[in-house]
């Protein structure tokens, strides 16, 4: 028969009081935090489920932020293309106006200035940025796709590095920008196309008399011996001009955002889709074609520029529609993301959050038990003479 000592009774009473205090503390913590699980040992299975749910919620929220960014990018794209279409519509109106044979050189020269303003506006649209990224540059987002640059060239009567020589007239020569070294040409000088009409300066010669220019192609045709004489001089013929330059980098890359696990959505429209390629004629080529007709006072050239203008407007509209369809897809996916978020949040709450009515009831019961254990313990554990020795 086991002998029950006073020390054993004392230890058991204290352990019981401590256990009851711990249960009260557990209920108080659950009420203050609102969580059932504080550490993995509280509920290993629930902890595993809670961690998985939190991972899914975190991923879903990141996907949502990605879609928000993508929608901002696409909204900027749609706005830019819509503005561009309005600008081209105005250019078309000016083309119809300038094609009127009652207009002379003076009136058409006024229209050139307005079309040049439209070209600069379209250039600004082409270089639209969103959060510091150029939206029409493909994956080369830190590089503007198009730029307006000042070019220089020098022609002589001997063959130069670009294979040109003004040794006889008439002679049609391609313009190169000798101020740049970024081309795949043998000399490293880029071909100068898309030259702004009226910007080419040939000192000592008159346009229309001594030379003519194809501004879109960037070629100049010398017509008189005076040009040959200038080319034979020590300095040759020095030219300066303004031109639209397309970046030589690949602008066709896809910019995407991950919107679901293993699912990405494209958010950009590349420069070729919106502004055209050099082979088919860019929007800048078409505006320059109109400017050339106005600059040279040619009603036929002005009329020829109307159809290409319509093509550029159609390209803008198709690109805008493309951006709109991608916007719709992102918005649908975003709605699904929020619906999934509600389900995951509810399930996470079910696993982790406390049932307040139950925990309050447990707390009250545990507190009463704790108080009762203290009262009973105080009667069992009586002071003895040994406590004072």
Protein backbone atom coordinates (compact mmCIF):
# COMPACT_ATOMS: atom_id res chain seq x y z
CA UNK A 1 0.00 0.00 0.00
CA UNK A 2 1.40 3.33 -1.11
CA UNK A 3 1.93 5.84 1.63
CA UNK A 4 0.50 9.26 0.80
CA UNK A 5 2.71 11.97 2.18
CA UNK A 6 2.01 15.63 2.72
CA UNK A 7 4.60 16.51 0.07
CA UNK A 8 2.84 14.36 -2.55
CA UNK A 9 -0.46 16.05 -1.81
CA UNK A 10 1.16 19.46 -2.04
CA UNK A 11 2.78 18.63 -5.40
CA UNK A 12 -0.43 17.24 -6.89
CA UNK A 13 -2.46 20.25 -5.80
CA UNK A 14 0.08 22.66 -7.27
CA UNK A 15 0.26 20.74 -10.55
CA UNK A 16 -3.53 20.82 -10.81
CA UNK A 17 -3.68 24.56 -10.12
CA UNK A 18 -0.90 25.17 -12.68
CA UNK A 19 -2.69 23.06 -15.31
CA UNK A 20 -5.93 24.97 -14.75
CA UNK A 21 -4.06 28.29 -14.98
CA UNK A 22 -2.50 27.15 -18.25
CA UNK A 23 -5.93 26.33 -19.69
CA UNK A 24 -7.23 29.78 -18.67
CA UNK A 25 -4.17 31.37 -20.30
CA UNK A 26 -4.77 29.36 -23.48
CA UNK A 27 -8.36 30.58 -23.70
CA UNK A 28 -7.29 34.18 -23.05
CA UNK A 29 -4.66 33.97 -25.79
CA UNK A 30 -7.17 32.54 -28.26
CA UNK A 31 -9.58 35.36 -27.48
CA UNK A 32 -6.92 38.06 -27.79
CA UNK A 33 -5.40 36.73 -31.06
CA UNK A 34 -8.53 35.28 -32.61
CA UNK A 35 -6.47 32.27 -33.71
CA UNK A 36 -6.79 28.63 -32.70
CA UNK A 37 -3.24 27.75 -33.77
CA UNK A 38 -0.27 29.52 -32.21
CA UNK A 39 2.39 26.91 -32.82
CA UNK A 40 2.57 23.73 -34.93
CA UNK A 41 2.21 21.55 -31.87
CA UNK A 42 -1.27 22.99 -31.23
CA UNK A 43 -2.61 21.24 -34.36
CA UNK A 44 -0.03 19.71 -36.76
CA UNK A 45 -2.63 18.81 -39.42
CA UNK A 46 -4.31 22.21 -39.15
CA UNK A 47 -0.93 23.94 -39.31
CA UNK A 48 -0.08 22.17 -42.57
CA UNK A 49 -3.44 23.12 -44.07
CA UNK A 50 -3.11 26.71 -42.83
CA UNK A 51 0.35 27.09 -44.39
CA UNK A 52 -0.88 25.78 -47.73
CA UNK A 53 -3.85 28.14 -47.68
CA UNK A 54 -1.63 31.09 -46.78
CA UNK A 55 0.71 30.23 -49.68
CA UNK A 56 -2.24 30.11 -52.08
CA UNK A 57 -3.60 33.41 -50.78
CA UNK A 58 -0.19 35.07 -51.09
CA UNK A 59 0.24 33.78 -54.63
CA UNK A 60 -3.28 34.86 -55.56
CA UNK A 61 -2.68 38.36 -54.22
CA UNK A 62 0.55 38.61 -56.24
CA UNK A 63 -1.28 37.46 -59.37
CA UNK A 64 -3.89 40.14 -58.67
CA UNK A 65 -1.17 42.81 -58.42
CA UNK A 66 0.31 41.53 -61.68
CA UNK A 67 -3.07 41.90 -63.36
CA UNK A 68 -3.51 45.40 -61.94
CA UNK A 69 -0.16 46.34 -63.46
CA UNK A 70 -1.11 44.72 -66.76
CA UNK A 71 -4.44 46.54 -66.87
CA UNK A 72 -2.67 49.83 -66.26
CA UNK A 73 -0.28 49.07 -69.11
CA UNK A 74 -3.11 48.11 -71.47
CA UNK A 75 -5.20 51.13 -70.50
CA UNK A 76 -2.26 53.38 -71.32
CA UNK A 77 -1.88 51.58 -74.66
CA UNK A 78 -5.54 51.97 -75.58
CA UNK A 79 -5.50 55.66 -74.70
CA UNK A 80 -2.32 56.27 -76.71
CA UNK A 81 -3.66 54.48 -79.79
CA UNK A 82 -7.00 56.28 -79.55
CA UNK A 83 -5.20 59.62 -79.40
CA UNK A 84 -3.04 58.58 -82.35
CA UNK A 85 -6.10 57.69 -84.41
CA UNK A 86 -7.59 61.12 -83.73
CA UNK A 87 -4.32 62.75 -84.81
CA UNK A 88 -4.27 60.76 -88.06
CA UNK A 89 -7.90 61.65 -88.70
CA UNK A 90 -6.87 65.31 -88.54
CA UNK A 91 -3.95 64.63 -90.89
CA UNK A 92 -6.35 63.01 -93.36
CA UNK A 93 -8.59 66.06 -93.23
CA UNK A 94 -5.57 68.23 -94.00
CA UNK A 95 -4.66 65.94 -96.91
CA UNK A 96 -8.13 66.33 -98.43
CA UNK A 97 -7.92 70.06 -97.86
CA UNK A 98 -4.46 70.32 -99.38
CA UNK A 99 -5.42 68.19 -102.39
CA UNK A 100 -7.79 70.94 -103.51
CA UNK A 101 -6.27 72.42 -106.66
CA UNK A 102 -7.33 75.91 -105.59
CA UNK A 103 -4.57 75.73 -102.98
CA UNK A 104 -1.20 77.13 -103.99
CA UNK A 105 2.32 76.73 -102.63
CA UNK A 106 1.83 79.29 -99.87
CA UNK A 107 -1.36 77.72 -98.49
CA UNK A 108 0.12 74.23 -98.68
CA UNK A 109 3.24 75.38 -96.86
CA UNK A 110 1.03 76.40 -93.94
CA UNK A 111 -0.45 72.90 -93.92
CA UNK A 112 3.04 71.37 -93.83
CA UNK A 113 3.65 72.99 -90.45
CA UNK A 114 0.43 71.54 -89.03
CA UNK A 115 1.15 68.05 -90.37
CA UNK A 116 4.64 68.26 -88.89
CA UNK A 117 3.02 69.04 -85.54
CA UNK A 118 0.85 65.92 -85.96
CA UNK A 119 3.95 63.85 -86.79
CA UNK A 120 5.62 65.06 -83.59
CA UNK A 121 2.46 64.16 -81.65
CA UNK A 122 2.43 60.64 -83.13
CA UNK A 123 6.14 60.36 -82.28
CA UNK A 124 5.31 61.26 -78.68
CA UNK A 125 2.55 58.62 -78.71
CA UNK A 126 4.98 56.02 -80.05
CA UNK A 127 7.27 56.80 -77.11
CA UNK A 128 4.53 56.56 -74.48
CA UNK A 129 5.79 55.10 -71.22
CA UNK A 130 4.13 53.41 -68.25
CA UNK A 131 5.98 53.44 -64.93
CA UNK A 132 9.15 54.35 -66.78
CA UNK A 133 8.83 51.60 -69.44
CA UNK A 134 8.26 52.36 -73.13
CA UNK A 135 5.13 50.39 -73.96
CA UNK A 136 5.78 49.97 -77.71
CA UNK A 137 9.41 48.80 -77.42
CA UNK A 138 8.70 45.10 -76.88
CA UNK A 139 11.02 43.79 -74.19
CA UNK A 140 13.47 46.66 -74.80
CA UNK A 141 11.41 48.77 -72.42
CA UNK A 142 14.22 51.20 -71.51
CA UNK A 143 14.77 52.28 -75.14
CA UNK A 144 12.40 54.62 -77.04
CA UNK A 145 11.21 52.86 -80.22
CA UNK A 146 11.40 56.01 -82.37
CA UNK A 147 13.30 59.28 -82.14
CA UNK A 148 13.62 62.53 -84.06
CA UNK A 149 17.30 63.07 -84.76
CA UNK A 150 19.53 65.57 -86.48
CA UNK A 151 21.60 63.85 -89.16
CA UNK A 152 24.59 64.99 -91.20
CA UNK A 153 26.11 63.77 -94.45
CA UNK A 154 28.95 64.75 -96.78
CA UNK A 155 29.12 63.99 -100.52
CA UNK A 156 32.21 64.18 -102.74
CA UNK A 157 33.19 63.29 -106.27
CA UNK A 158 35.13 60.21 -105.15
CA UNK A 159 33.69 56.95 -103.85
CA UNK A 160 33.25 57.09 -100.08
CA UNK A 161 32.89 54.34 -97.46
CA UNK A 162 29.20 54.04 -98.29
CA UNK A 163 29.91 53.47 -101.99
CA UNK A 164 28.66 56.86 -103.23
CA UNK A 165 30.20 59.35 -105.63
CA UNK A 166 28.85 62.54 -107.17
CA UNK A 167 31.10 62.39 -110.21
CA UNK A 168 28.34 63.09 -112.72
CA UNK A 169 24.85 64.51 -112.97
CA UNK A 170 22.10 63.59 -112.86
CA UNK A 171 22.89 61.25 -109.96
CA UNK A 172 20.60 59.79 -107.30
CA UNK A 173 22.37 59.04 -104.02
CA UNK A 174 21.22 57.45 -100.80
CA UNK A 175 21.59 59.60 -97.71
CA UNK A 176 23.50 58.21 -94.73
CA UNK A 177 23.79 59.66 -91.28
CA UNK A 178 27.53 60.06 -90.79
CA UNK A 179 27.00 61.28 -87.23
CA UNK A 180 25.96 57.80 -86.05
CA UNK A 181 27.72 54.43 -85.92
CA UNK A 182 24.97 51.97 -85.08
CA UNK A 183 24.03 50.25 -88.30
CA UNK A 184 24.71 46.92 -89.95
CA UNK A 185 26.01 48.67 -93.05
CA UNK A 186 29.63 48.06 -93.98
CA UNK A 187 30.62 51.59 -92.97
CA UNK A 188 28.60 51.53 -89.75
CA UNK A 189 26.61 54.59 -90.85
CA UNK A 190 22.83 54.06 -90.81
CA UNK A 191 20.78 54.73 -93.93
CA UNK A 192 18.88 57.98 -93.45
CA UNK A 193 15.25 57.36 -94.38
CA UNK A 194 12.08 59.14 -93.20
CA UNK A 195 13.64 62.59 -93.58
CA UNK A 196 11.36 65.48 -92.67
CA UNK A 197 10.48 67.52 -95.79
CA UNK A 198 11.96 70.99 -95.64
CA UNK A 199 14.61 70.01 -93.08
CA UNK A 200 17.29 69.05 -95.65
CA UNK A 201 19.78 71.88 -96.09
CA UNK A 202 22.15 71.87 -99.08
CA UNK A 203 24.24 75.06 -98.93
CA UNK A 204 24.60 76.80 -102.29
CA UNK A 205 21.91 74.80 -104.08
CA UNK A 206 18.15 75.21 -104.57
CA UNK A 207 15.66 72.36 -104.14
CA UNK A 208 13.63 71.80 -107.27
CA UNK A 209 16.26 73.42 -109.48
CA UNK A 210 19.58 71.86 -108.53
CA UNK A 211 18.23 68.76 -106.77
CA UNK A 212 15.11 66.86 -105.76
CA UNK A 213 14.53 64.68 -102.71
CA UNK A 214 12.55 61.53 -101.98
CA UNK A 215 12.11 62.15 -98.28
CA UNK A 216 10.59 58.80 -97.38
CA UNK A 217 13.36 56.81 -99.08
CA UNK A 218 16.05 59.29 -98.04
CA UNK A 219 17.49 59.77 -101.53
CA UNK A 220 18.65 62.96 -103.22
CA UNK A 221 18.94 63.48 -106.97
CA UNK A 222 21.37 66.15 -108.20
CA UNK A 223 20.39 67.75 -111.50
CA UNK A 224 22.89 70.48 -112.41
CA UNK A 225 26.65 70.90 -112.89
CA UNK A 226 26.64 73.26 -109.91
CA UNK A 227 26.19 70.31 -107.56
CA UNK A 228 29.01 68.41 -109.23
CA UNK A 229 31.24 71.44 -108.81
CA UNK A 230 30.46 71.62 -105.09
CA UNK A 231 31.20 67.92 -104.70
CA UNK A 232 34.58 68.38 -106.37
CA UNK A 233 35.58 71.06 -103.86
CA UNK A 234 37.85 70.31 -100.92
CA UNK A 235 35.00 70.04 -98.40
CA UNK A 236 32.45 68.42 -100.70
CA UNK A 237 28.74 68.98 -100.13
CA UNK A 238 27.78 69.02 -96.46
CA UNK A 239 24.16 68.17 -95.72
CA UNK A 240 22.09 68.37 -92.55
CA UNK A 241 18.58 67.05 -92.02
CA UNK A 242 16.02 65.86 -89.47
CA UNK A 243 14.89 62.26 -89.64
CA UNK A 244 12.72 59.78 -87.78
CA UNK A 245 14.89 56.93 -86.58
CA UNK A 246 13.51 53.55 -85.56
CA UNK A 247 15.52 51.79 -82.87
CA UNK A 248 17.69 49.05 -84.32
CA UNK A 249 16.86 46.80 -81.39
CA UNK A 250 14.22 44.09 -81.71
CA UNK A 251 10.92 45.74 -80.76
CA UNK A 252 8.75 42.66 -81.29
CA UNK A 253 9.27 41.00 -77.90
CA UNK A 254 6.28 40.00 -75.79
CA UNK A 255 5.74 41.66 -72.42
CA UNK A 256 3.72 39.34 -70.19
CA UNK A 257 2.45 39.05 -66.63
CA UNK A 258 1.81 35.81 -64.76
CA UNK A 259 -1.89 35.82 -63.88
CA UNK A 260 -2.35 32.25 -62.67
CA UNK A 261 -0.06 29.35 -61.91
CA UNK A 262 1.78 28.47 -65.14
CA UNK A 263 -0.39 30.97 -67.04
CA UNK A 264 0.87 34.26 -68.49
CA UNK A 265 -1.02 36.98 -70.35
CA UNK A 266 0.55 39.30 -72.92
CA UNK A 267 0.00 42.96 -72.13
CA UNK A 268 1.85 44.82 -74.87
CA UNK A 269 1.27 45.73 -78.50
CA UNK A 270 4.56 45.84 -80.38
CA UNK A 271 5.74 48.73 -82.52
CA UNK A 272 5.27 46.91 -85.84
CA UNK A 273 1.63 46.08 -85.10
CA UNK A 274 0.80 49.66 -84.12
CA UNK A 275 3.05 51.79 -86.34
CA UNK A 276 3.89 49.51 -89.25
CA UNK A 277 7.12 48.08 -90.60
CA UNK A 278 9.61 49.70 -92.94
CA UNK A 279 8.63 47.27 -95.68
CA UNK A 280 4.91 48.09 -95.57
CA UNK A 281 5.38 51.77 -94.71
CA UNK A 282 5.26 53.13 -91.20
CA UNK A 283 2.87 55.78 -90.00
CA UNK A 284 5.81 58.20 -90.11
CA UNK A 285 6.51 57.31 -93.75
CA UNK A 286 2.88 58.04 -94.56
CA UNK A 287 2.88 61.38 -92.78
CA UNK A 288 6.16 62.30 -94.47
CA UNK A 289 4.61 61.36 -97.82
CA UNK A 290 1.82 63.84 -97.15
CA UNK A 291 4.31 66.47 -96.00
CA UNK A 292 6.37 65.96 -99.16
CA UNK A 293 3.36 66.56 -101.41
CA UNK A 294 2.52 69.73 -99.50
CA UNK A 295 6.17 70.82 -99.43
CA UNK A 296 6.64 70.37 -103.19
CA UNK A 297 3.19 71.78 -103.98
CA UNK A 298 2.11 68.57 -105.73
CA UNK A 299 -1.62 67.87 -105.65
CA UNK A 300 -1.03 64.39 -107.08
CA UNK A 301 1.36 63.42 -104.28
CA UNK A 302 -1.04 64.77 -101.68
CA UNK A 303 -3.88 62.67 -103.07
CA UNK A 304 -1.61 59.60 -103.14
CA UNK A 305 -0.96 60.08 -99.40
CA UNK A 306 -4.64 59.65 -98.43
CA UNK A 307 -4.87 55.85 -98.85
CA UNK A 308 -1.69 55.18 -96.81
CA UNK A 309 -3.14 57.44 -94.11
CA UNK A 310 -6.26 55.27 -94.05
CA UNK A 311 -4.06 52.19 -93.71
CA UNK A 312 -2.26 53.69 -90.72
CA UNK A 313 -5.58 54.56 -89.09
CA UNK A 314 -6.78 50.99 -89.67
CA UNK A 315 -3.58 49.64 -88.11
CA UNK A 316 -4.08 51.85 -85.05
CA UNK A 317 -7.67 50.65 -84.76
CA UNK A 318 -6.67 46.97 -85.01
CA UNK A 319 -3.95 47.47 -82.41
CA UNK A 320 -6.42 49.24 -80.13
CA UNK A 321 -8.87 46.35 -80.54
CA UNK A 322 -6.09 43.90 -79.72
CA UNK A 323 -5.32 45.79 -76.52
CA UNK A 324 -9.02 45.87 -75.66
CA UNK A 325 -9.39 42.10 -76.03
CA UNK A 326 -6.40 41.56 -73.74
CA UNK A 327 -7.94 43.95 -71.25
CA UNK A 328 -11.17 41.94 -71.25
CA UNK A 329 -9.27 38.73 -70.62
CA UNK A 330 -7.38 40.21 -67.69
CA UNK A 331 -10.55 41.65 -66.17
CA UNK A 332 -12.27 38.24 -66.38
CA UNK A 333 -9.26 36.52 -64.81
CA UNK A 334 -9.15 39.19 -62.13
CA UNK A 335 -12.78 38.55 -61.21
CA UNK A 336 -12.04 34.82 -60.94
CA UNK A 337 -9.02 35.64 -58.78
CA UNK A 338 -11.16 37.61 -56.32
CA UNK A 339 -13.76 34.84 -56.18
CA UNK A 340 -11.00 32.32 -55.41
CA UNK A 341 -9.64 34.70 -52.78
CA UNK A 342 -12.99 34.74 -50.96
CA UNK A 343 -13.11 30.93 -50.90
CA UNK A 344 -9.51 30.61 -49.70
CA UNK A 345 -9.97 33.29 -47.05
CA UNK A 346 -13.10 31.55 -45.76
CA UNK A 347 -11.33 28.18 -45.62
CA UNK A 348 -8.30 29.73 -43.91
CA UNK A 349 -10.59 31.30 -41.34
CA UNK A 350 -12.28 27.97 -40.72
CA UNK A 351 -8.93 26.31 -40.06
CA UNK A 352 -7.23 29.05 -38.05
CA UNK A 353 -9.81 31.37 -36.50
CA UNK A 354 -11.54 30.73 -33.20
CA UNK A 355 -15.25 30.19 -32.64
CA UNK A 356 -15.66 33.09 -30.24
CA UNK A 357 -18.89 31.86 -28.64
CA UNK A 358 -17.30 28.48 -27.89
CA UNK A 359 -14.00 29.94 -26.66
CA UNK A 360 -15.80 32.45 -24.40
CA UNK A 361 -17.83 29.61 -22.91
CA UNK A 362 -14.66 27.53 -22.42
CA UNK A 363 -12.89 30.51 -20.86
CA UNK A 364 -15.66 31.04 -18.31
CA UNK A 365 -15.72 27.33 -17.39
CA UNK A 366 -11.93 27.15 -17.11
CA UNK A 367 -11.82 30.30 -15.02
CA UNK A 368 -14.40 28.87 -12.61
CA UNK A 369 -12.46 25.61 -12.37
CA UNK A 370 -9.25 27.53 -11.78
CA UNK A 371 -10.83 29.61 -8.99
CA UNK A 372 -12.30 26.47 -7.42
CA UNK A 373 -8.94 24.68 -7.55
CA UNK A 374 -7.29 27.61 -5.75
CA UNK A 375 -9.95 27.59 -3.02
CA UNK A 376 -9.71 23.82 -2.55
CA UNK A 377 -5.94 23.93 -2.62
CA UNK A 378 -5.80 26.61 0.03
CA UNK A 379 -7.72 24.30 2.41
CA UNK A 380 -5.64 21.23 1.61
CA UNK A 381 -2.28 22.94 1.90
CA UNK A 382 -2.38 24.21 5.55
CA UNK A 383 0.66 25.88 7.11
CA UNK A 384 2.52 23.71 9.64
CA UNK A 385 5.20 24.34 12.18
CA UNK A 386 7.68 23.16 9.56
CA UNK A 387 6.86 26.18 7.35
CA UNK A 388 8.30 28.47 10.00
CA UNK A 389 11.43 26.47 10.88
